[in-house]
Amino acid sequence: MKKKAPTKSIKDINRRRWRRKTPIKNVVAASYVVLSSIDCRISKLLTKMGITRLSSNQKRNIYKILKKITRHFNFHQESSLDTVCNTLLFDDNESTTTTLLPPSILNRKTIFLDLDETLIHSTTSRPPDGFDFVIRTVIDETPMDFYVVKRPGIDELLESLASRFEIVVFTAALKEYASLVLDRLDKNRFISHRLYRDSCRKIDGKLVKDLALVGRDLKSVVIVDDNPVSFSNQPENAILIKPFVDDIFDRELWKLRRFFDGSDCFDDMRDAIKFHVAEIERRR
């Protein structure tokens, strides 16, 4: 009487197939099993979190979109103390969807500070009453020395604001000059970002600092500048400050600190500015 061949389970069959494989194939097969297990666990976790995995076609589409967006950016290398920001090439006939600043990491309101005649004053001739420091740069292939006078209260202002706000210097000056000034002015790295002339828009032959392009909610933005043209696109977000030259008794930056100290009770910084302007008018 013929004996029946013993039945084999799926596990036995798989075990036999495993033994027939070469060592290299065994390693590959083991790796595939481990990866499949990990992939399965990730899928379950994503499903619990309410996240749908992307198909390969969707992944390719996203890659194309990211690649297209990346071409809009023109990253430029800053000096040792600079942060990397974006320079936009403006065309009056075209709109742009990119922003001048990278996304904000901290949920803070943003203060844009002008440089010349707001934070400092500089001149190519040596001031008779002294200066705080001198920078040497080359502009249009011409070596130049700039003697810089710091506005009274600048160090205290930067330190006070940095703990609560994102500070950005937005200047219409050339980077070759302004970056060296800021390296000396901001040794403690209180300033988060720097924007130069190439980040301004030229409108009717004038340089305008368009806050609509900075990538920040306008209700959380204030710009401080001595030139009204600079903020002509968003005057409701601006504080006009007196130009500074060499007045050692100047106290405008202390007034500015008081404004920002009192702005915490306003959700919209434009309302804080309205209140500030009304108070100034009332005192007059």
Protein backbone atom coordinates (compact mmCIF):
# COMPACT_ATOMS: atom_id res chain seq x y z
CA MET A 1 0.00 0.00 0.00
CA LYS A 2 1.42 3.32 -1.09
CA LYS A 3 2.09 5.83 1.61
CA LYS A 4 0.59 9.23 1.11
CA ALA A 5 3.06 12.05 0.89
CA PRO A 6 2.90 14.19 4.00
CA THR A 7 1.10 17.44 3.54
CA LYS A 8 3.12 20.64 3.78
CA SER A 9 1.99 23.90 5.23
CA ILE A 10 2.66 27.30 3.66
CA LYS A 11 5.38 27.82 6.25
CA ASP A 12 7.07 24.54 5.26
CA ILE A 13 6.98 25.48 1.59
CA ASN A 14 8.42 28.92 2.28
CA ARG A 15 11.09 27.40 4.52
CA ARG A 16 12.10 24.98 1.76
CA ARG A 17 12.28 27.78 -0.81
CA TRP A 18 14.43 29.75 1.60
CA ARG A 19 16.93 26.85 1.92
CA ARG A 20 17.25 26.54 -1.87
CA LYS A 21 18.33 30.16 -2.24
CA THR A 22 21.96 31.19 -2.39
CA PRO A 23 23.39 33.21 0.54
CA ILE A 24 23.14 36.45 -1.47
CA LYS A 25 19.53 35.75 -2.39
CA ASN A 26 18.78 34.95 1.23
CA VAL A 27 20.14 38.36 2.29
CA VAL A 28 18.13 40.15 -0.39
CA ALA A 29 14.99 38.25 0.53
CA ALA A 30 15.47 38.99 4.23
CA SER A 31 15.96 42.67 3.48
CA TYR A 32 12.80 42.73 1.41
CA VAL A 33 10.82 41.12 4.22
CA VAL A 34 12.10 43.64 6.77
CA LEU A 35 11.39 46.60 4.47
CA SER A 36 7.92 45.31 3.68
CA SER A 37 7.20 45.01 7.39
CA ILE A 38 8.42 48.57 8.04
CA ASP A 39 6.40 49.88 5.09
CA CYS A 40 3.29 48.16 6.42
CA ARG A 41 3.74 49.66 9.88
CA ILE A 42 4.28 53.15 8.45
CA SER A 43 1.13 52.81 6.35
CA LYS A 44 -0.90 51.85 9.43
CA LEU A 45 0.55 54.75 11.42
CA LEU A 46 -0.20 57.27 8.64
CA THR A 47 -3.76 55.92 8.36
CA LYS A 48 -4.32 56.44 12.10
CA MET A 49 -3.04 60.00 11.76
CA GLY A 50 -5.45 60.66 8.89
CA ILE A 51 -2.66 61.02 6.33
CA THR A 52 -3.04 59.46 2.92
CA ARG A 53 0.08 58.16 1.25
CA LEU A 54 0.97 59.61 -2.12
CA SER A 55 1.04 57.55 -5.24
CA SER A 56 4.18 57.52 -7.37
CA ASN A 57 2.49 59.82 -9.91
CA GLN A 58 1.63 62.35 -7.17
CA LYS A 59 5.22 62.25 -5.93
CA ARG A 60 6.52 62.99 -9.41
CA ASN A 61 4.10 65.92 -9.76
CA ILE A 62 5.16 67.41 -6.42
CA TYR A 63 8.80 67.08 -7.42
CA LYS A 64 8.11 68.99 -10.64
CA ILE A 65 6.30 71.75 -8.71
CA LEU A 66 9.14 72.09 -6.21
CA LYS A 67 11.68 72.15 -9.00
CA LYS A 68 9.73 74.92 -10.75
CA ILE A 69 9.45 76.97 -7.56
CA THR A 70 13.15 76.57 -6.82
CA ARG A 71 13.99 78.26 -10.08
CA HIS A 72 12.22 81.42 -8.89
CA PHE A 73 14.63 81.72 -5.98
CA ASN A 74 17.97 83.38 -6.38
CA PHE A 75 19.92 82.49 -3.24
CA HIS A 76 22.95 84.65 -2.69
CA GLN A 77 25.87 84.05 -0.36
CA GLU A 78 26.04 86.57 2.46
CA SER A 79 29.07 87.58 4.49
CA SER A 80 29.97 85.61 7.62
CA LEU A 81 27.30 87.24 9.78
CA ASP A 82 24.59 87.44 7.13
CA THR A 83 21.55 85.19 6.91
CA VAL A 84 20.41 83.84 3.57
CA CYS A 85 17.42 85.67 2.10
CA ASN A 86 15.93 85.69 -1.37
CA THR A 87 16.48 88.32 -4.01
CA LEU A 88 13.55 88.77 -6.36
CA LEU A 89 13.99 90.00 -9.91
CA PHE A 90 10.99 92.27 -10.39
CA ASP A 91 9.09 92.82 -13.60
CA ASP A 92 6.37 95.47 -13.50
CA ASN A 93 4.32 93.42 -15.96
CA GLU A 94 4.54 90.15 -14.04
CA SER A 95 3.46 89.10 -10.57
CA THR A 96 5.59 86.87 -8.36
CA THR A 97 4.56 84.23 -5.85
CA THR A 98 7.91 83.99 -4.08
CA THR A 99 8.80 85.91 -0.91
CA LEU A 100 11.82 87.89 0.18
CA LEU A 101 12.20 86.08 3.50
CA PRO A 102 12.16 82.40 4.40
CA PRO A 103 9.26 81.21 6.56
CA SER A 104 9.36 82.41 10.16
CA ILE A 105 10.25 79.68 12.65
CA LEU A 106 9.09 81.54 15.73
CA ASN A 107 5.55 82.90 15.98
CA ARG A 108 6.65 86.50 16.47
CA LYS A 109 5.77 89.86 15.03
CA THR A 110 8.30 91.32 12.61
CA ILE A 111 10.01 94.72 12.75
CA PHE A 112 11.66 96.05 9.59
CA LEU A 113 14.29 98.67 10.41
CA ASP A 114 15.86 101.03 7.91
CA LEU A 115 19.62 101.52 8.20
CA ASP A 116 20.94 104.90 7.03
CA GLU A 117 19.60 107.90 8.92
CA THR A 118 17.45 105.54 11.02
CA LEU A 119 19.97 103.41 12.89
CA ILE A 120 23.21 105.04 11.78
CA HIS A 121 24.67 107.87 9.72
CA SER A 122 27.69 107.39 7.50
CA THR A 123 29.83 109.69 5.40
CA THR A 124 32.88 109.32 3.19
CA SER A 125 34.52 112.33 4.85
CA ARG A 126 35.87 112.07 8.39
CA PRO A 127 33.36 113.67 10.82
CA PRO A 128 34.88 116.46 12.91
CA ASP A 129 33.15 115.25 16.08
CA GLY A 130 34.30 111.65 15.76
CA PHE A 131 32.76 108.37 14.64
CA ASP A 132 32.09 104.90 16.01
CA PHE A 133 33.81 102.84 13.34
CA VAL A 134 34.98 102.90 9.73
CA ILE A 135 34.38 100.36 6.99
CA ARG A 136 36.34 99.95 3.79
CA THR A 137 34.62 98.60 0.69
CA VAL A 138 34.73 98.72 -3.10
CA ILE A 139 31.79 100.19 -5.02
CA ASP A 140 31.86 100.32 -8.81
CA GLU A 141 35.52 99.26 -8.69
CA THR A 142 36.35 102.25 -6.50
CA PRO A 143 37.75 101.69 -2.96
CA MET A 144 35.83 103.80 -0.45
CA ASP A 145 35.98 104.49 3.30
CA PHE A 146 32.76 105.14 5.24
CA TYR A 147 32.85 106.71 8.68
CA VAL A 148 29.87 105.46 10.68
CA VAL A 149 28.12 107.17 13.60
CA LYS A 150 25.68 105.03 15.59
CA ARG A 151 22.39 106.59 16.62
CA PRO A 152 22.15 106.88 20.43
CA GLY A 153 20.28 103.91 21.89
CA ILE A 154 20.80 101.51 18.98
CA ASP A 155 22.48 98.78 21.05
CA GLU A 156 19.79 98.89 23.73
CA LEU A 157 17.01 98.89 21.11
CA LEU A 158 18.27 95.79 19.32
CA GLU A 159 18.79 93.87 22.55
CA SER A 160 15.35 94.85 23.86
CA LEU A 161 13.46 93.93 20.68
CA ALA A 162 15.30 90.68 19.89
CA SER A 163 13.74 88.83 22.82
CA ARG A 164 10.18 89.45 21.58
CA PHE A 165 10.29 90.26 17.86
CA GLU A 166 11.82 89.09 14.63
CA ILE A 167 14.17 91.91 13.56
CA VAL A 168 14.90 92.51 9.89
CA VAL A 169 17.04 95.34 8.53
CA PHE A 170 15.57 96.49 5.21
CA THR A 171 17.79 99.04 3.54
CA ALA A 172 17.92 100.62 0.10
CA ALA A 173 21.71 100.72 0.39
CA LEU A 174 24.00 98.47 -1.62
CA LYS A 175 24.91 95.15 -0.07
CA GLU A 176 28.65 95.79 -0.54
CA TYR A 177 28.37 98.66 1.91
CA ALA A 178 25.44 97.74 4.19
CA SER A 179 26.55 94.19 4.97
CA LEU A 180 29.86 95.45 6.39
CA VAL A 181 28.07 98.07 8.50
CA LEU A 182 25.71 95.44 9.91
CA ASP A 183 28.59 93.07 10.67
CA ARG A 184 30.00 95.75 12.95
CA LEU A 185 26.65 96.95 14.26
CA ASP A 186 25.17 93.57 15.15
CA LYS A 187 27.97 91.54 16.71
CA ASN A 188 25.48 89.79 19.03
CA ARG A 189 23.33 88.59 16.10
CA PHE A 190 20.09 90.23 17.22
CA ILE A 191 19.09 90.82 13.59
CA SER A 192 17.43 87.78 12.00
CA HIS A 193 17.58 88.80 8.34
CA ARG A 194 18.99 91.49 6.06
CA LEU A 195 17.41 92.87 2.89
CA TYR A 196 19.31 95.25 0.61
CA ARG A 197 18.65 97.42 -2.42
CA ASP A 198 18.09 94.42 -4.69
CA SER A 199 15.05 93.53 -2.57
CA CYS A 200 13.40 96.92 -3.15
CA ARG A 201 10.97 97.63 -5.95
CA LYS A 202 11.57 100.47 -8.35
CA ILE A 203 8.27 102.32 -8.79
CA ASP A 204 8.19 105.59 -10.77
CA GLY A 205 11.97 105.74 -10.47
CA LYS A 206 11.93 105.44 -6.65
CA LEU A 207 12.96 102.57 -4.42
CA VAL A 208 10.03 101.14 -2.45
CA LYS A 209 10.14 98.49 0.27
CA ASP A 210 7.04 96.49 -0.56
CA LEU A 211 5.92 94.61 2.55
CA ALA A 212 3.50 92.54 0.50
CA LEU A 213 6.50 90.54 -0.72
CA VAL A 214 8.23 89.76 2.57
CA GLY A 215 6.20 86.65 3.38
CA ARG A 216 4.71 87.93 6.64
CA ASP A 217 1.12 88.69 7.68
CA LEU A 218 0.75 92.48 7.44
CA LYS A 219 -1.11 92.65 10.73
CA SER A 220 2.09 91.44 12.41
CA VAL A 221 4.47 93.79 10.61
CA VAL A 222 5.93 97.25 11.38
CA ILE A 223 8.46 99.15 9.29
CA VAL A 224 10.50 102.02 10.75
CA ASP A 225 12.01 104.40 8.20
CA ASP A 226 12.95 108.06 7.83
CA ASN A 227 11.82 108.17 4.18
CA PRO A 228 8.03 108.04 3.50
CA VAL A 229 8.65 106.85 -0.07
CA SER A 230 10.11 103.62 1.27
CA PHE A 231 6.81 102.50 2.79
CA SER A 232 4.45 104.20 0.36
CA ASN A 233 2.79 100.88 -0.52
CA GLN A 234 1.87 100.15 3.13
CA PRO A 235 1.79 103.46 5.06
CA GLU A 236 -0.53 101.95 7.70
CA ASN A 237 2.31 99.61 8.72
CA ALA A 238 4.90 102.36 9.07
CA ILE A 239 6.42 104.54 11.75
CA LEU A 240 8.11 107.62 10.33
CA ILE A 241 11.22 108.44 12.34
CA LYS A 242 13.25 111.66 12.30
CA PRO A 243 16.43 111.40 10.21
CA PHE A 244 19.61 111.05 12.24
CA VAL A 245 22.91 112.72 11.35
CA ASP A 246 25.09 113.48 14.37
CA ASP A 247 22.88 114.65 17.26
CA ILE A 248 24.35 113.03 20.37
CA PHE A 249 21.21 114.05 22.32
CA ASP A 250 18.88 112.24 19.92
CA ARG A 251 16.27 110.15 21.81
CA GLU A 252 14.12 108.78 18.98
CA LEU A 253 15.14 105.17 19.56
CA TRP A 254 14.07 105.35 23.20
CA LYS A 255 10.65 106.58 22.01
CA LEU A 256 10.58 103.66 19.62
CA ARG A 257 11.26 101.22 22.45
CA ARG A 258 8.35 102.66 24.43
CA PHE A 259 6.07 102.16 21.44
CA PHE A 260 6.99 98.49 21.06
CA ASP A 261 6.76 97.91 24.81
CA GLY A 262 3.16 99.15 24.66
CA SER A 263 2.23 97.30 21.48
CA ASP A 264 1.78 93.92 23.19
CA CYS A 265 -1.89 94.63 23.90
CA PHE A 266 -2.66 94.95 20.16
CA ASP A 267 -3.28 91.91 17.98
CA ASP A 268 -2.93 94.01 14.84
CA MET A 269 0.20 96.19 14.72
CA ARG A 270 -1.60 98.60 12.40
CA ASP A 271 -3.97 99.40 15.26
CA ALA A 272 -0.98 99.98 17.53
CA ILE A 273 0.45 102.43 15.00
CA LYS A 274 -2.87 104.29 14.72
CA PHE A 275 -2.98 104.64 18.49
CA HIS A 276 0.65 105.79 18.55
CA VAL A 277 0.08 108.45 15.88
CA ALA A 278 -3.09 109.66 17.64
CA GLU A 279 -1.15 110.04 20.91
CA ILE A 280 1.54 112.12 19.18
CA GLU A 281 -1.10 114.37 17.63
CA ARG A 282 -2.88 114.74 20.96
CA ARG A 283 0.33 115.86 22.72
CA ARG A 284 0.90 118.54 20.11
